[in-house]
Amino acid sequence: MPSTRRGTPDVENFEAFYRREYTQIVGMARALLPSSGSAEDVAQESFVAAHHNWARISAYDDPKAWVRRVLINRATSLRRRQAAEWRAMSRIGGRAGEDTLPELSPQATEVWEEVRRLPRRQAQATVLHYVGQLSIEEIGVVMECSPGAVKTHLHRARARLNRSLSAWSEETT
């Protein structure tokens, strides 16, 4: 969204922006994608796109929101591509491998796998809220929906995760 500020905007150096936002953007990507390598690639691609358009994006009120939107779009596209590849491999008798996050505990890996199984919009809202630490209103801007719709996505995601993780918890005890 273009800046509403009058006059010449204060342009932040891209390198400073990148250093400040990198960790959180990669964290969001890792929550959306099962492979840490894919997540870092998608995060980097999002920053590269921002860098190429930095003269325009730096004038926005919130350049990070633009990067988050690009990240979500690219992660969604990658997941679709991976699913299509997996289906194709299954049809011809092969197995599509999927990297895991070895540095995460088994419980944390299970939680993020459950988040990735949520419907797309619920997963996006969950990641933006818990990893990105965005408010309901900010999530609505990123996802291009109303705050009420964001609340609905989060409520449904919590309910589904509670059911899934409760069943998992009962199995492990």
N, C-alpha and C. Protein backbone atom coordinates (compact mmCIF):
# COMPACT_ATOMS: atom_id res chain seq x y z
N MET A 1 0.85 -1.17 0.00
CA MET A 1 0.00 0.00 0.00
C MET A 1 0.89 1.23 0.00
N PRO A 2 0.71 2.14 -0.93
CA PRO A 2 1.53 3.34 -0.97
C PRO A 2 1.38 4.18 0.29
N SER A 3 2.41 4.91 0.59
CA SER A 3 2.43 5.73 1.79
C SER A 3 1.43 6.88 1.67
N THR A 4 0.85 7.22 2.79
CA THR A 4 -0.06 8.37 2.85
C THR A 4 0.68 9.61 3.34
N ARG A 5 1.98 9.46 3.59
CA ARG A 5 2.77 10.59 4.05
C ARG A 5 2.96 11.60 2.93
N ARG A 6 2.98 12.86 3.26
CA ARG A 6 3.15 13.93 2.27
C ARG A 6 4.64 14.21 2.07
N GLY A 7 4.97 14.72 0.91
CA GLY A 7 6.34 15.12 0.64
C GLY A 7 7.23 13.93 0.34
N THR A 8 8.52 14.13 0.50
CA THR A 8 9.49 13.08 0.22
C THR A 8 9.52 12.10 1.39
N PRO A 9 9.26 10.82 1.12
CA PRO A 9 9.27 9.85 2.21
C PRO A 9 10.70 9.59 2.70
N ASP A 10 10.80 9.21 3.98
CA ASP A 10 12.09 8.80 4.52
C ASP A 10 12.35 7.40 4.02
N VAL A 11 13.36 7.23 3.18
CA VAL A 11 13.64 5.94 2.56
C VAL A 11 14.65 5.20 3.43
N GLU A 12 14.22 4.05 3.91
CA GLU A 12 15.10 3.21 4.71
C GLU A 12 16.03 2.44 3.79
N ASN A 13 17.23 2.25 4.22
CA ASN A 13 18.21 1.46 3.50
C ASN A 13 17.71 0.01 3.45
N PHE A 14 17.78 -0.63 2.28
CA PHE A 14 17.29 -2.01 2.14
C PHE A 14 18.04 -2.96 3.06
N GLU A 15 19.34 -2.78 3.18
CA GLU A 15 20.13 -3.68 4.01
C GLU A 15 19.66 -3.63 5.47
N ALA A 16 19.36 -2.46 5.97
CA ALA A 16 18.88 -2.33 7.35
C ALA A 16 17.52 -3.01 7.49
N PHE A 17 16.66 -2.80 6.52
CA PHE A 17 15.35 -3.45 6.52
C PHE A 17 15.50 -4.97 6.50
N TYR A 18 16.35 -5.46 5.63
CA TYR A 18 16.58 -6.91 5.50
C TYR A 18 17.08 -7.51 6.81
N ARG A 19 18.09 -6.88 7.40
CA ARG A 19 18.66 -7.39 8.65
C ARG A 19 17.63 -7.41 9.78
N ARG A 20 16.79 -6.39 9.84
CA ARG A 20 15.79 -6.29 10.90
C ARG A 20 14.66 -7.32 10.72
N GLU A 21 14.23 -7.57 9.50
CA GLU A 21 13.04 -8.39 9.25
C GLU A 21 13.32 -9.84 8.88
N TYR A 22 14.56 -10.17 8.56
CA TYR A 22 14.90 -11.50 8.03
C TYR A 22 14.42 -12.64 8.92
N THR A 23 14.75 -12.60 10.19
CA THR A 23 14.44 -13.72 11.09
C THR A 23 12.95 -14.00 11.15
N GLN A 24 12.15 -12.97 11.28
CA GLN A 24 10.71 -13.19 11.37
C GLN A 24 10.12 -13.68 10.05
N ILE A 25 10.57 -13.17 8.94
CA ILE A 25 10.07 -13.61 7.64
C ILE A 25 10.44 -15.08 7.41
N VAL A 26 11.66 -15.47 7.74
CA VAL A 26 12.06 -16.87 7.59
C VAL A 26 11.24 -17.74 8.54
N GLY A 27 11.00 -17.27 9.75
CA GLY A 27 10.17 -18.03 10.70
C GLY A 27 8.77 -18.27 10.16
N MET A 28 8.20 -17.26 9.53
CA MET A 28 6.87 -17.42 8.94
C MET A 28 6.92 -18.43 7.80
N ALA A 29 7.96 -18.36 6.98
CA ALA A 29 8.09 -19.31 5.87
C ALA A 29 8.25 -20.73 6.39
N ARG A 30 9.01 -20.90 7.45
CA ARG A 30 9.23 -22.24 8.01
C ARG A 30 7.94 -22.79 8.61
N ALA A 31 7.10 -21.93 9.09
CA ALA A 31 5.81 -22.39 9.62
C ALA A 31 4.86 -22.78 8.49
N LEU A 32 5.00 -22.14 7.35
CA LEU A 32 4.12 -22.43 6.22
C LEU A 32 4.58 -23.62 5.38
N LEU A 33 5.88 -23.90 5.38
CA LEU A 33 6.44 -24.93 4.50
C LEU A 33 7.14 -26.02 5.32
N PRO A 34 7.03 -27.27 4.90
CA PRO A 34 7.61 -28.36 5.67
C PRO A 34 9.14 -28.45 5.58
N SER A 35 9.73 -27.92 4.55
CA SER A 35 11.17 -28.01 4.35
C SER A 35 11.85 -26.72 4.75
N SER A 36 12.84 -26.82 5.64
CA SER A 36 13.55 -25.61 6.06
C SER A 36 14.29 -24.98 4.88
N GLY A 37 14.82 -25.82 3.97
CA GLY A 37 15.50 -25.28 2.79
C GLY A 37 14.54 -24.52 1.89
N SER A 38 13.37 -25.09 1.66
CA SER A 38 12.36 -24.42 0.83
C SER A 38 11.91 -23.13 1.48
N ALA A 39 11.76 -23.17 2.80
CA ALA A 39 11.31 -21.98 3.52
C ALA A 39 12.31 -20.84 3.37
N GLU A 40 13.58 -21.16 3.55
CA GLU A 40 14.59 -20.12 3.42
C GLU A 40 14.67 -19.61 1.99
N ASP A 41 14.51 -20.50 1.02
CA ASP A 41 14.51 -20.08 -0.39
C ASP A 41 13.37 -19.12 -0.68
N VAL A 42 12.17 -19.45 -0.20
CA VAL A 42 11.00 -18.60 -0.45
C VAL A 42 11.17 -17.25 0.25
N ALA A 43 11.71 -17.27 1.45
CA ALA A 43 11.94 -16.00 2.16
C ALA A 43 12.95 -15.15 1.39
N GLN A 44 14.02 -15.78 0.92
CA GLN A 44 15.02 -15.04 0.15
C GLN A 44 14.43 -14.48 -1.14
N GLU A 45 13.62 -15.29 -1.82
CA GLU A 45 12.99 -14.82 -3.06
C GLU A 45 12.10 -13.61 -2.78
N SER A 46 11.42 -13.62 -1.64
CA SER A 46 10.55 -12.49 -1.27
C SER A 46 11.39 -11.23 -1.05
N PHE A 47 12.52 -11.38 -0.39
CA PHE A 47 13.40 -10.23 -0.18
C PHE A 47 14.03 -9.76 -1.49
N VAL A 48 14.37 -10.69 -2.37
CA VAL A 48 14.93 -10.30 -3.67
C VAL A 48 13.92 -9.47 -4.46
N ALA A 49 12.65 -9.92 -4.43
CA ALA A 49 11.60 -9.16 -5.12
C ALA A 49 11.48 -7.75 -4.51
N ALA A 50 11.57 -7.67 -3.19
CA ALA A 50 11.50 -6.36 -2.53
C ALA A 50 12.70 -5.50 -2.93
N HIS A 51 13.86 -6.11 -2.99
CA HIS A 51 15.06 -5.36 -3.36
C HIS A 51 14.95 -4.79 -4.77
N HIS A 52 14.43 -5.59 -5.69
CA HIS A 52 14.28 -5.13 -7.08
C HIS A 52 13.30 -3.95 -7.18
N ASN A 53 12.34 -3.90 -6.27
CA ASN A 53 11.32 -2.85 -6.30
C ASN A 53 11.48 -1.88 -5.14
N TRP A 54 12.65 -1.82 -4.52
CA TRP A 54 12.83 -1.09 -3.28
C TRP A 54 12.51 0.40 -3.40
N ALA A 55 12.79 1.01 -4.53
CA ALA A 55 12.50 2.44 -4.69
C ALA A 55 11.01 2.71 -4.47
N ARG A 56 10.16 1.82 -4.93
CA ARG A 56 8.71 1.98 -4.76
C ARG A 56 8.26 1.47 -3.39
N ILE A 57 8.72 0.29 -2.99
CA ILE A 57 8.25 -0.36 -1.76
C ILE A 57 8.70 0.40 -0.52
N SER A 58 9.88 0.98 -0.55
CA SER A 58 10.38 1.70 0.62
C SER A 58 9.52 2.90 0.96
N ALA A 59 8.75 3.40 0.01
CA ALA A 59 7.87 4.54 0.26
C ALA A 59 6.55 4.12 0.89
N TYR A 60 6.27 2.82 0.96
CA TYR A 60 5.03 2.33 1.56
C TYR A 60 5.06 2.57 3.07
N ASP A 61 3.88 2.67 3.66
CA ASP A 61 3.80 2.83 5.11
C ASP A 61 4.40 1.62 5.82
N ASP A 62 4.22 0.42 5.25
CA ASP A 62 4.71 -0.80 5.87
C ASP A 62 5.30 -1.73 4.80
N PRO A 63 6.57 -1.53 4.44
CA PRO A 63 7.18 -2.40 3.42
C PRO A 63 7.17 -3.87 3.81
N LYS A 64 7.23 -4.14 5.11
CA LYS A 64 7.22 -5.52 5.58
C LYS A 64 5.93 -6.23 5.19
N ALA A 65 4.82 -5.51 5.16
CA ALA A 65 3.54 -6.11 4.77
C ALA A 65 3.62 -6.58 3.33
N TRP A 66 4.29 -5.83 2.48
CA TRP A 66 4.45 -6.23 1.07
C TRP A 66 5.26 -7.53 1.00
N VAL A 67 6.35 -7.60 1.78
CA VAL A 67 7.19 -8.80 1.78
C VAL A 67 6.40 -10.00 2.30
N ARG A 68 5.61 -9.80 3.35
CA ARG A 68 4.78 -10.90 3.89
C ARG A 68 3.81 -11.42 2.83
N ARG A 69 3.18 -10.51 2.10
CA ARG A 69 2.22 -10.91 1.07
C ARG A 69 2.93 -11.72 -0.03
N VAL A 70 4.10 -11.26 -0.44
CA VAL A 70 4.87 -11.99 -1.45
C VAL A 70 5.25 -13.37 -0.90
N LEU A 71 5.66 -13.42 0.35
CA LEU A 71 6.03 -14.68 0.98
C LEU A 71 4.84 -15.66 0.97
N ILE A 72 3.69 -15.19 1.37
CA ILE A 72 2.51 -16.06 1.42
C ILE A 72 2.16 -16.54 0.01
N ASN A 73 2.18 -15.66 -0.96
CA ASN A 73 1.88 -16.05 -2.34
C ASN A 73 2.86 -17.09 -2.85
N ARG A 74 4.14 -16.89 -2.59
CA ARG A 74 5.16 -17.83 -3.08
C ARG A 74 5.09 -19.16 -2.34
N ALA A 75 4.83 -19.12 -1.04
CA ALA A 75 4.70 -20.37 -0.28
C ALA A 75 3.49 -21.17 -0.76
N THR A 76 2.40 -20.48 -1.03
CA THR A 76 1.20 -21.15 -1.55
C THR A 76 1.48 -21.79 -2.91
N SER A 77 2.16 -21.06 -3.77
CA SER A 77 2.50 -21.60 -5.10
C SER A 77 3.42 -22.81 -4.97
N LEU A 78 4.40 -22.72 -4.09
CA LEU A 78 5.33 -23.83 -3.90
C LEU A 78 4.60 -25.07 -3.38
N ARG A 79 3.72 -24.87 -2.41
CA ARG A 79 2.95 -26.01 -1.87
C ARG A 79 2.11 -26.66 -2.96
N ARG A 80 1.49 -25.86 -3.79
CA ARG A 80 0.70 -26.42 -4.90
C ARG A 80 1.58 -27.20 -5.86
N ARG A 81 2.73 -26.64 -6.19
CA ARG A 81 3.66 -27.32 -7.09
C ARG A 81 4.14 -28.63 -6.48
N GLN A 82 4.49 -28.60 -5.20
CA GLN A 82 4.96 -29.81 -4.53
C GLN A 82 3.87 -30.87 -4.48
N ALA A 83 2.64 -30.45 -4.23
CA ALA A 83 1.53 -31.41 -4.18
C ALA A 83 1.32 -32.04 -5.56
N ALA A 84 1.40 -31.24 -6.60
CA ALA A 84 1.25 -31.77 -7.96
C ALA A 84 2.39 -32.74 -8.27
N GLU A 85 3.60 -32.40 -7.87
CA GLU A 85 4.74 -33.30 -8.10
C GLU A 85 4.55 -34.61 -7.33
N TRP A 86 4.10 -34.50 -6.09
CA TRP A 86 3.89 -35.69 -5.27
C TRP A 86 2.83 -36.59 -5.90
N ARG A 87 1.73 -35.99 -6.38
CA ARG A 87 0.69 -36.79 -7.04
C ARG A 87 1.23 -37.46 -8.30
N ALA A 88 2.03 -36.73 -9.06
CA ALA A 88 2.61 -37.30 -10.28
C ALA A 88 3.55 -38.44 -9.94
N MET A 89 4.37 -38.27 -8.92
CA MET A 89 5.29 -39.34 -8.50
C MET A 89 4.51 -40.55 -8.00
N SER A 90 3.43 -40.31 -7.29
CA SER A 90 2.61 -41.41 -6.78
C SER A 90 2.00 -42.20 -7.93
N ARG A 91 1.57 -41.50 -8.97
CA ARG A 91 0.96 -42.17 -10.12
C ARG A 91 1.96 -43.06 -10.85
N ILE A 92 3.22 -42.65 -10.90
CA ILE A 92 4.19 -43.46 -11.64
C ILE A 92 4.94 -44.42 -10.72
N GLY A 93 4.55 -44.48 -9.45
CA GLY A 93 5.11 -45.47 -8.54
C GLY A 93 6.31 -45.01 -7.74
N GLY A 94 6.72 -43.79 -7.88
CA GLY A 94 7.85 -43.29 -7.10
C GLY A 94 7.39 -42.69 -5.79
N ARG A 95 8.33 -42.25 -5.02
CA ARG A 95 7.99 -41.59 -3.77
C ARG A 95 8.62 -40.21 -3.76
N ALA A 96 7.81 -39.24 -3.46
CA ALA A 96 8.32 -37.87 -3.36
C ALA A 96 8.79 -37.67 -1.93
N GLY A 97 10.04 -37.36 -1.75
CA GLY A 97 10.57 -37.13 -0.41
C GLY A 97 10.24 -35.73 0.07
N GLU A 98 10.19 -35.57 1.37
CA GLU A 98 9.92 -34.25 1.94
C GLU A 98 10.85 -34.06 3.12
N ASP A 99 11.65 -33.00 3.07
CA ASP A 99 12.56 -32.72 4.17
C ASP A 99 11.78 -32.33 5.40
N THR A 100 12.36 -32.59 6.54
CA THR A 100 11.76 -32.15 7.80
C THR A 100 12.67 -31.11 8.42
N LEU A 101 12.25 -30.57 9.52
CA LEU A 101 13.05 -29.58 10.23
C LEU A 101 13.79 -30.31 11.36
N PRO A 102 15.03 -30.76 11.12
CA PRO A 102 15.71 -31.58 12.11
C PRO A 102 15.98 -30.86 13.42
N GLU A 103 16.07 -29.54 13.41
CA GLU A 103 16.36 -28.82 14.64
C GLU A 103 15.13 -28.65 15.54
N LEU A 104 13.96 -29.00 15.05
CA LEU A 104 12.75 -28.92 15.87
C LEU A 104 12.54 -30.23 16.62
N SER A 105 11.96 -30.12 17.81
CA SER A 105 11.62 -31.33 18.56
C SER A 105 10.51 -32.07 17.83
N PRO A 106 10.34 -33.34 18.12
CA PRO A 106 9.24 -34.09 17.47
C PRO A 106 7.87 -33.46 17.73
N GLN A 107 7.67 -32.94 18.93
CA GLN A 107 6.39 -32.31 19.25
C GLN A 107 6.18 -31.04 18.44
N ALA A 108 7.22 -30.22 18.32
CA ALA A 108 7.09 -28.98 17.54
C ALA A 108 6.88 -29.29 16.07
N THR A 109 7.56 -30.30 15.57
CA THR A 109 7.37 -30.70 14.18
C THR A 109 5.94 -31.13 13.95
N GLU A 110 5.38 -31.89 14.88
CA GLU A 110 3.99 -32.35 14.77
C GLU A 110 3.02 -31.17 14.76
N VAL A 111 3.27 -30.20 15.63
CA VAL A 111 2.39 -29.03 15.67
C VAL A 111 2.39 -28.31 14.33
N TRP A 112 3.58 -28.05 13.76
CA TRP A 112 3.65 -27.32 12.49
C TRP A 112 3.13 -28.15 11.33
N GLU A 113 3.25 -29.47 11.42
CA GLU A 113 2.63 -30.32 10.40
C GLU A 113 1.11 -30.18 10.46
N GLU A 114 0.57 -30.12 11.67
CA GLU A 114 -0.88 -29.92 11.83
C GLU A 114 -1.31 -28.56 11.30
N VAL A 115 -0.51 -27.54 11.55
CA VAL A 115 -0.83 -26.20 11.03
C VAL A 115 -0.86 -26.25 9.50
N ARG A 116 0.11 -26.94 8.89
CA ARG A 116 0.15 -27.02 7.43
C ARG A 116 -1.01 -27.83 6.86
N ARG A 117 -1.63 -28.68 7.67
CA ARG A 117 -2.80 -29.45 7.21
C ARG A 117 -4.09 -28.63 7.27
N LEU A 118 -4.05 -27.51 7.94
CA LEU A 118 -5.23 -26.65 8.01
C LEU A 118 -5.57 -26.15 6.61
N PRO A 119 -6.82 -25.76 6.40
CA PRO A 119 -7.15 -25.07 5.15
C PRO A 119 -6.23 -23.86 4.99
N ARG A 120 -5.90 -23.55 3.75
CA ARG A 120 -4.89 -22.53 3.43
C ARG A 120 -5.07 -21.23 4.19
N ARG A 121 -6.25 -20.67 4.19
CA ARG A 121 -6.47 -19.36 4.83
C ARG A 121 -6.32 -19.46 6.35
N GLN A 122 -6.74 -20.58 6.94
CA GLN A 122 -6.58 -20.77 8.38
C GLN A 122 -5.09 -20.89 8.73
N ALA A 123 -4.34 -21.62 7.92
CA ALA A 123 -2.90 -21.76 8.17
C ALA A 123 -2.21 -20.41 8.04
N GLN A 124 -2.56 -19.64 7.02
CA GLN A 124 -1.94 -18.33 6.84
C GLN A 124 -2.23 -17.42 8.03
N ALA A 125 -3.47 -17.37 8.46
CA ALA A 125 -3.85 -16.52 9.59
C ALA A 125 -3.11 -16.96 10.85
N THR A 126 -2.99 -18.26 11.06
CA THR A 126 -2.31 -18.79 12.24
C THR A 126 -0.84 -18.39 12.24
N VAL A 127 -0.18 -18.55 11.10
CA VAL A 127 1.24 -18.20 11.01
C VAL A 127 1.43 -16.70 11.19
N LEU A 128 0.62 -15.90 10.54
CA LEU A 128 0.75 -14.45 10.67
C LEU A 128 0.52 -14.00 12.11
N HIS A 129 -0.41 -14.66 12.81
CA HIS A 129 -0.72 -14.26 14.18
C HIS A 129 0.34 -14.73 15.17
N TYR A 130 0.70 -16.02 15.11
CA TYR A 130 1.59 -16.58 16.13
C TYR A 130 3.07 -16.44 15.80
N VAL A 131 3.44 -16.53 14.55
CA VAL A 131 4.85 -16.38 14.20
C VAL A 131 5.14 -14.92 13.85
N GLY A 132 4.29 -14.34 13.01
CA GLY A 132 4.49 -12.95 12.60
C GLY A 132 4.08 -11.94 13.65
N GLN A 133 3.31 -12.39 14.65
CA GLN A 133 2.83 -11.54 15.75
C GLN A 133 2.08 -10.31 15.25
N LEU A 134 1.26 -10.51 14.21
CA LEU A 134 0.47 -9.42 13.68
C LEU A 134 -0.87 -9.35 14.41
N SER A 135 -1.43 -8.17 14.45
CA SER A 135 -2.75 -7.99 15.03
C SER A 135 -3.80 -8.49 14.05
N ILE A 136 -5.02 -8.62 14.52
CA ILE A 136 -6.13 -9.07 13.67
C ILE A 136 -6.27 -8.13 12.47
N GLU A 137 -6.18 -6.84 12.71
CA GLU A 137 -6.33 -5.86 11.64
C GLU A 137 -5.20 -5.98 10.62
N GLU A 138 -3.97 -6.17 11.10
CA GLU A 138 -2.83 -6.31 10.19
C GLU A 138 -2.95 -7.58 9.35
N ILE A 139 -3.42 -8.64 9.97
CA ILE A 139 -3.61 -9.89 9.22
C ILE A 139 -4.67 -9.68 8.14
N GLY A 140 -5.72 -8.96 8.47
CA GLY A 140 -6.76 -8.66 7.49
C GLY A 140 -6.21 -7.92 6.28
N VAL A 141 -5.30 -6.99 6.51
CA VAL A 141 -4.69 -6.25 5.41
C VAL A 141 -3.85 -7.20 4.55
N VAL A 142 -3.02 -8.02 5.19
CA VAL A 142 -2.16 -8.95 4.45
C VAL A 142 -3.00 -9.95 3.66
N MET A 143 -4.04 -10.49 4.28
CA MET A 143 -4.85 -11.52 3.64
C MET A 143 -5.98 -10.94 2.79
N GLU A 144 -6.10 -9.62 2.82
CA GLU A 144 -7.13 -8.92 2.05
C GLU A 144 -8.53 -9.41 2.42
N CYS A 145 -8.80 -9.41 3.74
CA CYS A 145 -10.13 -9.78 4.22
C CYS A 145 -10.44 -8.94 5.47
N SER A 146 -11.66 -9.03 5.94
CA SER A 146 -12.09 -8.22 7.09
C SER A 146 -11.54 -8.79 8.39
N PRO A 147 -11.45 -7.96 9.44
CA PRO A 147 -11.04 -8.48 10.74
C PRO A 147 -11.95 -9.60 11.24
N GLY A 148 -13.23 -9.52 10.92
CA GLY A 148 -14.16 -10.58 11.31
C GLY A 148 -13.81 -11.91 10.64
N ALA A 149 -13.41 -11.84 9.38
CA ALA A 149 -13.02 -13.07 8.67
C ALA A 149 -11.73 -13.63 9.27
N VAL A 150 -10.79 -12.76 9.66
CA VAL A 150 -9.56 -13.21 10.29
C VAL A 150 -9.88 -13.93 11.60
N LYS A 151 -10.77 -13.33 12.39
CA LYS A 151 -11.16 -13.97 13.66
C LYS A 151 -11.78 -15.33 13.42
N THR A 152 -12.58 -15.44 12.37
CA THR A 152 -13.20 -16.73 12.04
C THR A 152 -12.13 -17.74 11.64
N HIS A 153 -11.18 -17.34 10.80
CA HIS A 153 -10.10 -18.24 10.40
C HIS A 153 -9.32 -18.72 11.62
N LEU A 154 -8.97 -17.80 12.52
CA LEU A 154 -8.20 -18.16 13.71
C LEU A 154 -9.01 -19.06 14.64
N HIS A 155 -10.28 -18.76 14.81
CA HIS A 155 -11.14 -19.57 15.69
C HIS A 155 -11.23 -21.00 15.15
N ARG A 156 -11.48 -21.14 13.87
CA ARG A 156 -11.60 -22.47 13.26
C ARG A 156 -10.27 -23.21 13.31
N ALA A 157 -9.18 -22.48 13.10
CA ALA A 157 -7.86 -23.12 13.15
C ALA A 157 -7.58 -23.63 14.56
N ARG A 158 -7.87 -22.81 15.57
CA ARG A 158 -7.65 -23.24 16.97
C ARG A 158 -8.48 -24.46 17.30
N ALA A 159 -9.74 -24.45 16.89
CA ALA A 159 -10.62 -25.59 17.18
C ALA A 159 -10.08 -26.85 16.52
N ARG A 160 -9.69 -26.75 15.27
CA ARG A 160 -9.18 -27.92 14.55
C ARG A 160 -7.86 -28.39 15.16
N LEU A 161 -6.98 -27.46 15.49
CA LEU A 161 -5.69 -27.83 16.09
C LEU A 161 -5.89 -28.46 17.46
N ASN A 162 -6.82 -27.90 18.24
CA ASN A 162 -7.10 -28.49 19.56
C ASN A 162 -7.55 -29.93 19.42
N ARG A 163 -8.44 -30.20 18.47
CA ARG A 163 -8.90 -31.58 18.26
C ARG A 163 -7.76 -32.49 17.83
N SER A 164 -6.98 -32.04 16.85
CA SER A 164 -5.88 -32.85 16.33
C SER A 164 -4.82 -33.10 17.38
N LEU A 165 -4.43 -32.05 18.07
CA LEU A 165 -3.35 -32.19 19.04
C LEU A 165 -3.80 -32.90 20.31
N SER A 166 -5.07 -32.79 20.65
CA SER A 166 -5.59 -33.54 21.79
C SER A 166 -5.55 -35.04 21.49
N ALA A 167 -5.94 -35.41 20.29
CA ALA A 167 -5.90 -36.82 19.88
C ALA A 167 -4.44 -37.30 19.88
N TRP A 168 -3.54 -36.48 19.39
CA TRP A 168 -2.13 -36.85 19.37
C TRP A 168 -1.59 -37.00 20.79
N SER A 169 -1.98 -36.08 21.68
CA SER A 169 -1.54 -36.12 23.07
C SER A 169 -2.02 -37.40 23.76
N GLU A 170 -3.25 -37.78 23.49
CA GLU A 170 -3.81 -39.00 24.09
C GLU A 170 -3.09 -40.24 23.59
N GLU A 171 -2.64 -40.22 22.33
CA GLU A 171 -1.93 -41.37 21.77
C GLU A 171 -0.56 -41.53 22.38
N THR A 172 0.09 -40.43 22.78
CA THR A 172 1.44 -40.50 23.31
C THR A 172 1.50 -40.79 24.80
N THR A 173 0.35 -40.73 25.48
CA THR A 173 0.35 -41.01 26.91
C THR A 173 -0.05 -42.42 27.23
